[in-house]
All heavy atoms as atom14 arrays in JSON, in Angstrom:
{
  "sequence": "LMNSLKPEDTAVYYCAADPRSFFEGRWYRGLAYA",
  "atom14_mask": [
    [1, 1, 1, 1, 1, 1, 1, 1, 0, 0, 0, 0, 0, 0],
    [1, 1, 1, 1, 1, 1, 1, 1, 0, 0, 0, 0, 0, 0],
    [1, 1, 1, 1, 1, 1, 1, 1, 0, 0, 0, 0, 0, 0],
    [1, 1, 1, 1, 1, 1, 0, 0, 0, 0, 0, 0, 0, 0],
    [1, 1, 1, 1, 1, 1, 1, 1, 0, 0, 0, 0, 0, 0],
    [1, 1, 1, 1, 1, 1, 1, 1, 1, 0, 0, 0, 0, 0],
    [1, 1, 1, 1, 1, 1, 1, 0, 0, 0, 0, 0, 0, 0],
    [1, 1, 1, 1, 1, 1, 1, 1, 1, 0, 0, 0, 0, 0],
    [1, 1, 1, 1, 1, 1, 1, 1, 0, 0, 0, 0, 0, 0],
    [1, 1, 1, 1, 1, 1, 1, 0, 0, 0, 0, 0, 0, 0],
    [1, 1, 1, 1, 1, 0, 0, 0, 0, 0, 0, 0, 0, 0],
    [1, 1, 1, 1, 1, 1, 1, 0, 0, 0, 0, 0, 0, 0],
    [1, 1, 1, 1, 1, 1, 1, 1, 1, 1, 1, 1, 0, 0],
    [1, 1, 1, 1, 1, 1, 1, 1, 1, 1, 1, 1, 0, 0],
    [1, 1, 1, 1, 1, 1, 0, 0, 0, 0, 0, 0, 0, 0],
    [1, 1, 1, 1, 1, 0, 0, 0, 0, 0, 0, 0, 0, 0],
    [1, 1, 1, 1, 1, 0, 0, 0, 0, 0, 0, 0, 0, 0],
    [1, 1, 1, 1, 1, 1, 1, 1, 0, 0, 0, 0, 0, 0],
    [1, 1, 1, 1, 1, 1, 1, 0, 0, 0, 0, 0, 0, 0],
    [1, 1, 1, 1, 1, 1, 1, 1, 1, 1, 1, 0, 0, 0],
    [1, 1, 1, 1, 1, 1, 0, 0, 0, 0, 0, 0, 0, 0],
    [1, 1, 1, 1, 1, 1, 1, 1, 1, 1, 1, 0, 0, 0],
    [1, 1, 1, 1, 1, 1, 1, 1, 1, 1, 1, 0, 0, 0],
    [1, 1, 1, 1, 1, 1, 1, 1, 1, 0, 0, 0, 0, 0],
    [1, 1, 1, 1, 0, 0, 0, 0, 0, 0, 0, 0, 0, 0],
    [1, 1, 1, 1, 1, 1, 1, 1, 1, 1, 1, 0, 0, 0],
    [1, 1, 1, 1, 1, 1, 1, 1, 1, 1, 1, 1, 1, 1],
    [1, 1, 1, 1, 1, 1, 1, 1, 1, 1, 1, 1, 0, 0],
    [1, 1, 1, 1, 1, 1, 1, 1, 1, 1, 1, 0, 0, 0],
    [1, 1, 1, 1, 0, 0, 0, 0, 0, 0, 0, 0, 0, 0],
    [1, 1, 1, 1, 1, 1, 1, 1, 0, 0, 0, 0, 0, 0],
    [1, 1, 1, 1, 1, 0, 0, 0, 0, 0, 0, 0, 0, 0],
    [1, 1, 1, 1, 1, 1, 1, 1, 1, 1, 1, 1, 0, 0],
    [1, 1, 1, 1, 1, 0, 0, 0, 0, 0, 0, 0, 0, 0]
  ],
  "atom14_positions": [
    [[12.85, 28.18, 8.34], [14.26, 28.57, 8.31], [15.1, 27.29, 8.39], [14.94, 26.51, 9.32], [14.58, 29.49, 9.48], [16.05, 29.88, 9.63], [16.54, 30.66, 8.41], [16.27, 30.67, 10.9], [0.0, 0.0, 0.0], [0.0, 0.0, 0.0], [0.0, 0.0, 0.0], [0.0, 0.0, 0.0], [0.0, 0.0, 0.0], [0.0, 0.0, 0.0]],
    [[15.96, 27.13, 7.41], [16.77, 25.92, 7.33], [18.23, 26.31, 7.41], [18.73, 27.07, 6.58], [16.49, 25.18, 6.02], [15.02, 24.84, 5.82], [14.71, 23.91, 4.32], [15.14, 25.11, 3.06], [0.0, 0.0, 0.0], [0.0, 0.0, 0.0], [0.0, 0.0, 0.0], [0.0, 0.0, 0.0], [0.0, 0.0, 0.0], [0.0, 0.0, 0.0]],
    [[18.9, 25.79, 8.43], [20.33, 26.06, 8.64], [21.15, 24.8, 8.44], [20.62, 23.69, 8.46], [20.55, 26.6, 10.05], [19.9, 27.95, 10.26], [19.92, 28.81, 9.39], [19.33, 28.15, 11.44], [0.0, 0.0, 0.0], [0.0, 0.0, 0.0], [0.0, 0.0, 0.0], [0.0, 0.0, 0.0], [0.0, 0.0, 0.0], [0.0, 0.0, 0.0]],
    [[22.44, 24.99, 8.29], [23.38, 23.87, 8.15], [22.89, 22.88, 7.1], [22.85, 21.66, 7.36], [23.56, 23.18, 9.5], [24.01, 24.09, 10.47], [0.0, 0.0, 0.0], [0.0, 0.0, 0.0], [0.0, 0.0, 0.0], [0.0, 0.0, 0.0], [0.0, 0.0, 0.0], [0.0, 0.0, 0.0], [0.0, 0.0, 0.0], [0.0, 0.0, 0.0]],
    [[22.55, 23.38, 5.97], [21.97, 22.53, 4.93], [22.97, 21.54, 4.38], [24.17, 21.83, 4.27], [21.4, 23.4, 3.81], [20.07, 24.07, 4.17], [19.74, 25.19, 3.2], [18.94, 23.05, 4.2], [0.0, 0.0, 0.0], [0.0, 0.0, 0.0], [0.0, 0.0, 0.0], [0.0, 0.0, 0.0], [0.0, 0.0, 0.0], [0.0, 0.0, 0.0]],
    [[22.45, 20.38, 4.04], [23.26, 19.28, 3.51], [22.71, 18.88, 2.14], [21.53, 19.13, 1.85], [23.17, 18.09, 4.46], [23.43, 18.39, 5.91], [23.12, 17.2, 6.79], [23.29, 17.52, 8.25], [22.94, 16.36, 9.12], [0.0, 0.0, 0.0], [0.0, 0.0, 0.0], [0.0, 0.0, 0.0], [0.0, 0.0, 0.0], [0.0, 0.0, 0.0]],
    [[23.51, 18.23, 1.35], [23.02, 17.78, 0.05], [21.77, 16.9, 0.16], [20.9, 16.96, -0.72], [24.2, 17.01, -0.52], [25.39, 17.66, 0.08], [24.96, 18.03, 1.48], [0.0, 0.0, 0.0], [0.0, 0.0, 0.0], [0.0, 0.0, 0.0], [0.0, 0.0, 0.0], [0.0, 0.0, 0.0], [0.0, 0.0, 0.0], [0.0, 0.0, 0.0]],
    [[21.67, 16.14, 1.22], [20.49, 15.29, 1.39], [19.22, 16.06, 1.73], [18.13, 15.49, 1.78], [20.74, 14.22, 2.46], [21.3, 14.74, 3.76], [22.82, 14.64, 3.83], [23.5, 14.96, 2.82], [23.31, 14.23, 4.9], [0.0, 0.0, 0.0], [0.0, 0.0, 0.0], [0.0, 0.0, 0.0], [0.0, 0.0, 0.0], [0.0, 0.0, 0.0]],
    [[19.34, 17.36, 1.95], [18.15, 18.21, 2.13], [17.56, 18.65, 0.79], [16.51, 19.29, 0.76], [18.5, 19.45, 2.95], [18.87, 19.12, 4.38], [18.2, 18.26, 4.99], [19.85, 19.71, 4.88], [0.0, 0.0, 0.0], [0.0, 0.0, 0.0], [0.0, 0.0, 0.0], [0.0, 0.0, 0.0], [0.0, 0.0, 0.0], [0.0, 0.0, 0.0]],
    [[18.25, 18.32, -0.28], [17.75, 18.67, -1.61], [16.42, 17.98, -1.86], [16.3, 16.76, -1.75], [18.77, 18.24, -2.68], [19.96, 19.02, -2.52], [18.2, 18.47, -4.07], [0.0, 0.0, 0.0], [0.0, 0.0, 0.0], [0.0, 0.0, 0.0], [0.0, 0.0, 0.0], [0.0, 0.0, 0.0], [0.0, 0.0, 0.0], [0.0, 0.0, 0.0]],
    [[15.42, 18.78, -2.18], [14.07, 18.26, -2.38], [13.15, 19.4, -2.81], [13.53, 20.58, -2.75], [13.53, 17.64, -1.09], [0.0, 0.0, 0.0], [0.0, 0.0, 0.0], [0.0, 0.0, 0.0], [0.0, 0.0, 0.0], [0.0, 0.0, 0.0], [0.0, 0.0, 0.0], [0.0, 0.0, 0.0], [0.0, 0.0, 0.0], [0.0, 0.0, 0.0]],
    [[11.97, 19.02, -3.2], [10.9, 20.01, -3.36], [10.19, 20.11, -2.02], [9.78, 19.09, -1.46], [9.9, 19.61, -4.47], [8.78, 20.64, -4.55], [10.62, 19.5, -5.81], [0.0, 0.0, 0.0], [0.0, 0.0, 0.0], [0.0, 0.0, 0.0], [0.0, 0.0, 0.0], [0.0, 0.0, 0.0], [0.0, 0.0, 0.0], [0.0, 0.0, 0.0]],
    [[10.05, 21.31, -1.52], [9.44, 21.53, -0.22], [8.02, 22.05, -0.42], [7.79, 23.0, -1.18], [10.26, 22.52, 0.59], [11.51, 21.91, 1.16], [12.59, 21.57, 0.34], [11.61, 21.63, 2.52], [13.72, 20.98, 0.85], [12.75, 21.04, 3.04], [13.8, 20.72, 2.21], [14.93, 20.13, 2.72], [0.0, 0.0, 0.0], [0.0, 0.0, 0.0]],
    [[7.1, 21.43, 0.29], [5.69, 21.77, 0.18], [5.15, 22.25, 1.52], [5.48, 21.69, 2.56], [4.88, 20.54, -0.24], [5.24, 19.97, -1.58], [6.2, 18.98, -1.7], [4.6, 20.41, -2.74], [6.53, 18.45, -2.94], [4.92, 19.88, -3.98], [5.88, 18.9, -4.07], [6.19, 18.37, -5.3], [0.0, 0.0, 0.0], [0.0, 0.0, 0.0]],
    [[4.29, 23.25, 1.46], [3.57, 23.64, 2.67], [2.15, 23.08, 2.58], [1.64, 22.83, 1.48], [3.54, 25.15, 2.84], [2.79, 26.08, 1.5], [0.0, 0.0, 0.0], [0.0, 0.0, 0.0], [0.0, 0.0, 0.0], [0.0, 0.0, 0.0], [0.0, 0.0, 0.0], [0.0, 0.0, 0.0], [0.0, 0.0, 0.0], [0.0, 0.0, 0.0]],
    [[1.56, 22.89, 3.73], [0.23, 22.32, 3.8], [-0.52, 22.95, 4.97], [0.1, 23.46, 5.91], [0.31, 20.81, 3.97], [0.0, 0.0, 0.0], [0.0, 0.0, 0.0], [0.0, 0.0, 0.0], [0.0, 0.0, 0.0], [0.0, 0.0, 0.0], [0.0, 0.0, 0.0], [0.0, 0.0, 0.0], [0.0, 0.0, 0.0], [0.0, 0.0, 0.0]],
    [[-1.84, 22.87, 4.91], [-2.66, 23.49, 5.95], [-3.88, 22.64, 6.24], [-4.39, 21.92, 5.37], [-3.11, 24.89, 5.5], [0.0, 0.0, 0.0], [0.0, 0.0, 0.0], [0.0, 0.0, 0.0], [0.0, 0.0, 0.0], [0.0, 0.0, 0.0], [0.0, 0.0, 0.0], [0.0, 0.0, 0.0], [0.0, 0.0, 0.0], [0.0, 0.0, 0.0]],
    [[-4.33, 22.74, 7.48], [-5.55, 22.04, 7.87], [-6.25, 22.82, 8.98], [-5.59, 23.33, 9.87], [-5.23, 20.62, 8.34], [-6.49, 19.79, 8.46], [-6.89, 19.19, 7.44], [-7.07, 19.75, 9.56], [0.0, 0.0, 0.0], [0.0, 0.0, 0.0], [0.0, 0.0, 0.0], [0.0, 0.0, 0.0], [0.0, 0.0, 0.0], [0.0, 0.0, 0.0]],
    [[-7.58, 22.87, 8.94], [-8.31, 23.7, 9.9], [-8.57, 23.07, 11.27], [-9.14, 23.71, 12.15], [-9.64, 23.97, 9.18], [-9.84, 22.76, 8.33], [-8.46, 22.36, 7.88], [0.0, 0.0, 0.0], [0.0, 0.0, 0.0], [0.0, 0.0, 0.0], [0.0, 0.0, 0.0], [0.0, 0.0, 0.0], [0.0, 0.0, 0.0], [0.0, 0.0, 0.0]],
    [[-8.15, 21.84, 11.48], [-8.42, 21.21, 12.78], [-7.46, 21.72, 13.85], [-6.43, 22.32, 13.56], [-8.3, 19.7, 12.66], [-9.42, 19.06, 11.87], [-9.15, 17.58, 11.7], [-7.99, 17.34, 10.86], [-7.35, 16.19, 10.79], [-7.74, 15.18, 11.53], [-6.3, 16.05, 9.99], [0.0, 0.0, 0.0], [0.0, 0.0, 0.0], [0.0, 0.0, 0.0]],
    [[-7.82, 21.44, 15.07], [-6.96, 21.76, 16.2], [-5.67, 20.95, 16.12], [-5.66, 19.82, 15.61], [-7.67, 21.44, 17.51], [-6.76, 21.42, 18.59], [0.0, 0.0, 0.0], [0.0, 0.0, 0.0], [0.0, 0.0, 0.0], [0.0, 0.0, 0.0], [0.0, 0.0, 0.0], [0.0, 0.0, 0.0], [0.0, 0.0, 0.0], [0.0, 0.0, 0.0]],
    [[-4.6, 21.52, 16.63], [-3.3, 20.83, 16.58], [-3.34, 19.48, 17.27], [-2.63, 18.54, 16.88], [-2.23, 21.71, 17.22], [-0.83, 21.24, 16.97], [-0.21, 21.5, 15.76], [-0.14, 20.52, 17.94], [1.08, 21.06, 15.51], [1.15, 20.08, 17.7], [1.76, 20.35, 16.48], [0.0, 0.0, 0.0], [0.0, 0.0, 0.0], [0.0, 0.0, 0.0]],
    [[-4.18, 19.35, 18.26], [-4.2, 18.11, 19.03], [-5.15, 17.08, 18.44], [-5.32, 16.0, 19.01], [-4.55, 18.43, 20.48], [-3.56, 19.36, 21.1], [-3.84, 20.7, 21.24], [-2.31, 18.9, 21.5], [-2.92, 21.58, 21.78], [-1.38, 19.76, 22.05], [-1.7, 21.1, 22.19], [0.0, 0.0, 0.0], [0.0, 0.0, 0.0], [0.0, 0.0, 0.0]],
    [[-5.72, 17.39, 17.31], [-6.65, 16.47, 16.65], [-6.0, 15.63, 15.57], [-6.56, 14.63, 15.15], [-7.81, 17.25, 16.03], [-8.73, 17.91, 17.01], [-9.91, 18.57, 16.29], [-10.69, 17.85, 15.64], [-10.01, 19.8, 16.37], [0.0, 0.0, 0.0], [0.0, 0.0, 0.0], [0.0, 0.0, 0.0], [0.0, 0.0, 0.0], [0.0, 0.0, 0.0]],
    [[-4.87, 16.06, 15.07], [-4.33, 15.4, 13.89], [-2.96, 14.77, 14.09], [-2.23, 15.11, 15.01], [0.0, 0.0, 0.0], [0.0, 0.0, 0.0], [0.0, 0.0, 0.0], [0.0, 0.0, 0.0], [0.0, 0.0, 0.0], [0.0, 0.0, 0.0], [0.0, 0.0, 0.0], [0.0, 0.0, 0.0], [0.0, 0.0, 0.0], [0.0, 0.0, 0.0]],
    [[-2.68, 13.83, 13.22], [-1.35, 13.24, 13.15], [-0.61, 13.99, 12.05], [-0.65, 13.59, 10.88], [-1.44, 11.76, 12.84], [-2.27, 10.97, 13.83], [-2.33, 9.5, 13.44], [-3.34, 8.78, 14.17], [-3.64, 7.5, 13.97], [-3.0, 6.81, 13.06], [-4.59, 6.93, 14.68], [0.0, 0.0, 0.0], [0.0, 0.0, 0.0], [0.0, 0.0, 0.0]],
    [[0.04, 15.03, 12.4], [0.54, 15.98, 11.42], [1.74, 15.49, 10.64], [2.16, 16.14, 9.69], [0.83, 17.31, 12.1], [-0.37, 17.82, 12.81], [-0.55, 17.97, 14.14], [-1.63, 18.19, 12.2], [-1.83, 18.42, 14.41], [-2.5, 18.56, 13.25], [-2.08, 18.24, 10.88], [-3.81, 18.98, 13.02], [-3.38, 18.66, 10.64], [-4.23, 19.02, 11.69]],
    [[2.28, 14.36, 11.01], [3.36, 13.78, 10.24], [2.84, 13.04, 9.01], [3.6, 12.61, 8.15], [4.18, 12.81, 11.1], [3.34, 11.72, 11.73], [3.1, 10.53, 11.05], [2.78, 11.89, 12.99], [2.33, 9.54, 11.62], [2.0, 10.91, 13.56], [1.77, 9.73, 12.86], [1.01, 8.75, 13.42], [0.0, 0.0, 0.0], [0.0, 0.0, 0.0]],
    [[1.52, 12.92, 8.93], [0.9, 12.25, 7.8], [0.38, 13.27, 6.79], [-0.35, 14.19, 7.14], [-0.27, 11.38, 8.26], [0.1, 10.31, 9.25], [-1.13, 9.53, 9.66], [-1.7, 8.8, 8.53], [-2.94, 8.36, 8.49], [-3.75, 8.57, 9.52], [-3.38, 7.7, 7.44], [0.0, 0.0, 0.0], [0.0, 0.0, 0.0], [0.0, 0.0, 0.0]],
    [[0.73, 13.1, 5.55], [0.26, 14.0, 4.52], [-1.26, 14.03, 4.4], [-1.84, 15.06, 4.1], [0.0, 0.0, 0.0], [0.0, 0.0, 0.0], [0.0, 0.0, 0.0], [0.0, 0.0, 0.0], [0.0, 0.0, 0.0], [0.0, 0.0, 0.0], [0.0, 0.0, 0.0], [0.0, 0.0, 0.0], [0.0, 0.0, 0.0], [0.0, 0.0, 0.0]],
    [[-1.87, 12.9, 4.68], [-3.33, 12.82, 4.56], [-4.05, 13.67, 5.6], [-5.26, 13.89, 5.49], [-3.77, 11.36, 4.71], [-3.38, 10.43, 3.56], [-3.75, 8.99, 3.89], [-4.05, 10.87, 2.26], [0.0, 0.0, 0.0], [0.0, 0.0, 0.0], [0.0, 0.0, 0.0], [0.0, 0.0, 0.0], [0.0, 0.0, 0.0], [0.0, 0.0, 0.0]],
    [[-3.33, 14.15, 6.61], [-3.94, 14.97, 7.65], [-4.28, 16.37, 7.16], [-5.04, 17.08, 7.81], [-3.02, 15.06, 8.86], [0.0, 0.0, 0.0], [0.0, 0.0, 0.0], [0.0, 0.0, 0.0], [0.0, 0.0, 0.0], [0.0, 0.0, 0.0], [0.0, 0.0, 0.0], [0.0, 0.0, 0.0], [0.0, 0.0, 0.0], [0.0, 0.0, 0.0]],
    [[-3.73, 16.77, 6.03], [-3.85, 18.15, 5.58], [-4.87, 18.28, 4.45], [-4.88, 17.5, 3.51], [-2.5, 18.67, 5.12], [-1.48, 18.7, 6.23], [-0.75, 17.57, 6.56], [-1.25, 19.86, 6.97], [0.17, 17.58, 7.6], [-0.32, 19.89, 7.99], [0.38, 18.75, 8.3], [1.3, 18.76, 9.32], [0.0, 0.0, 0.0], [0.0, 0.0, 0.0]],
    [[-5.67, 19.32, 4.55], [-6.7, 19.55, 3.54], [-6.19, 20.37, 2.35], [-6.74, 20.27, 1.26], [-7.88, 20.27, 4.18], [0.0, 0.0, 0.0], [0.0, 0.0, 0.0], [0.0, 0.0, 0.0], [0.0, 0.0, 0.0], [0.0, 0.0, 0.0], [0.0, 0.0, 0.0], [0.0, 0.0, 0.0], [0.0, 0.0, 0.0], [0.0, 0.0, 0.0]]
  ]
}
């Protein structure tokens, strides 16, 4: 859910998933996702 949207929010938005535990990964890195 995205509120108070700004022109700088314009982008293609991607979802990603990975089967590891939340505490195992650096989720800010794209490479963390399978």
